[in-house]
Amino acid sequence: MDDKLVTIRVFSDNTQAHIARGLLEDNGVKCVLNNEIMSSVYPLTFTSIGGIKLLVNCDSVEIAEKILNTTNF
């Protein structure tokens, strides 16, 4: 098992990022959100630093993509 994390989605909206994370976690896919706090601290310049990144283990990319694509994320 490789521990490398891969960004599978980038969100500009904190709510959407949390919904996507919840969908994956509910289906047994471990994931993390990166830059989540920056969206609150620097809301006006936030998108210029890359948005909220949803990361999963590289071994879980295929199933995570399938789950998110099925739910139109």
Protein backbone atom coordinates (compact mmCIF):
# COMPACT_ATOMS: atom_id res chain seq x y z
CA MET A 1 0.00 0.00 0.00
CA ASP A 2 1.35 3.38 -1.03
CA ASP A 3 0.77 6.30 1.36
CA LYS A 4 0.95 8.97 -1.33
CA LEU A 5 -2.02 11.36 -1.35
CA VAL A 6 -3.53 12.49 -4.63
CA THR A 7 -5.75 15.54 -5.23
CA ILE A 8 -8.94 14.38 -6.93
CA ARG A 9 -11.06 17.53 -6.64
CA VAL A 10 -10.56 21.22 -5.89
CA PHE A 11 -13.43 23.25 -4.44
CA SER A 12 -13.96 26.97 -4.00
CA ASP A 13 -16.86 26.30 -1.64
CA ASN A 14 -16.31 24.90 1.86
CA THR A 15 -19.77 23.29 1.97
CA GLN A 16 -19.29 21.38 -1.28
CA ALA A 17 -15.89 20.17 -0.11
CA HIS A 18 -17.39 18.78 3.10
CA ILE A 19 -20.25 17.09 1.26
CA ALA A 20 -17.79 15.36 -1.08
CA ARG A 21 -15.61 14.30 1.85
CA GLY A 22 -18.68 12.90 3.62
CA LEU A 23 -19.72 10.91 0.54
CA LEU A 24 -16.31 9.29 0.34
CA GLU A 25 -16.05 8.59 4.07
CA ASP A 26 -19.57 7.10 4.11
CA ASN A 27 -18.38 4.70 1.42
CA GLY A 28 -15.24 3.72 3.33
CA VAL A 29 -12.76 5.89 1.43
CA LYS A 30 -10.36 7.75 3.72
CA CYS A 31 -9.73 11.30 2.59
CA VAL A 32 -8.59 14.70 3.80
CA LEU A 33 -9.30 18.31 2.92
CA ASN A 34 -6.35 20.64 2.42
CA ASN A 35 -6.48 24.49 2.61
CA GLU A 36 -9.84 24.28 4.35
CA ILE A 37 -8.96 26.85 7.03
CA MET A 38 -7.46 29.24 4.50
CA SER A 39 -10.91 29.70 2.96
CA SER A 40 -12.07 31.25 6.23
CA VAL A 41 -8.94 33.25 6.96
CA TYR A 42 -8.45 34.72 3.46
CA PRO A 43 -11.86 34.51 1.75
CA LEU A 44 -11.19 37.19 -0.89
CA THR A 45 -7.85 35.82 -2.09
CA PHE A 46 -8.57 32.18 -1.40
CA THR A 47 -9.07 30.99 -4.97
CA SER A 48 -5.68 32.39 -5.97
CA ILE A 49 -3.98 29.95 -3.57
CA GLY A 50 -5.63 26.92 -5.08
CA GLY A 51 -8.96 26.25 -3.38
CA ILE A 52 -9.89 23.44 -0.99
CA LYS A 53 -8.24 20.24 -2.16
CA LEU A 54 -9.82 16.84 -1.59
CA LEU A 55 -7.06 14.24 -1.30
CA VAL A 56 -7.24 10.45 -1.19
CA ASN A 57 -4.65 7.71 -1.01
CA CYS A 58 -3.35 6.85 -4.48
CA ASP A 59 -4.71 3.32 -4.03
CA SER A 60 -8.24 4.75 -3.60
CA VAL A 61 -8.35 7.16 -6.55
CA GLU A 62 -10.38 4.91 -8.84
CA ILE A 63 -13.13 4.13 -6.32
CA ALA A 64 -13.22 7.73 -5.08
CA GLU A 65 -13.63 9.04 -8.63
CA LYS A 66 -16.38 6.51 -9.28
CA ILE A 67 -18.28 7.57 -6.14
CA LEU A 68 -17.96 11.29 -6.87
CA ASN A 69 -18.80 10.92 -10.56
CA THR A 70 -21.89 8.85 -9.72
CA THR A 71 -23.12 11.63 -7.43
CA ASN A 72 -22.22 14.43 -9.89
CA PHE A 73 -19.36 15.85 -7.87
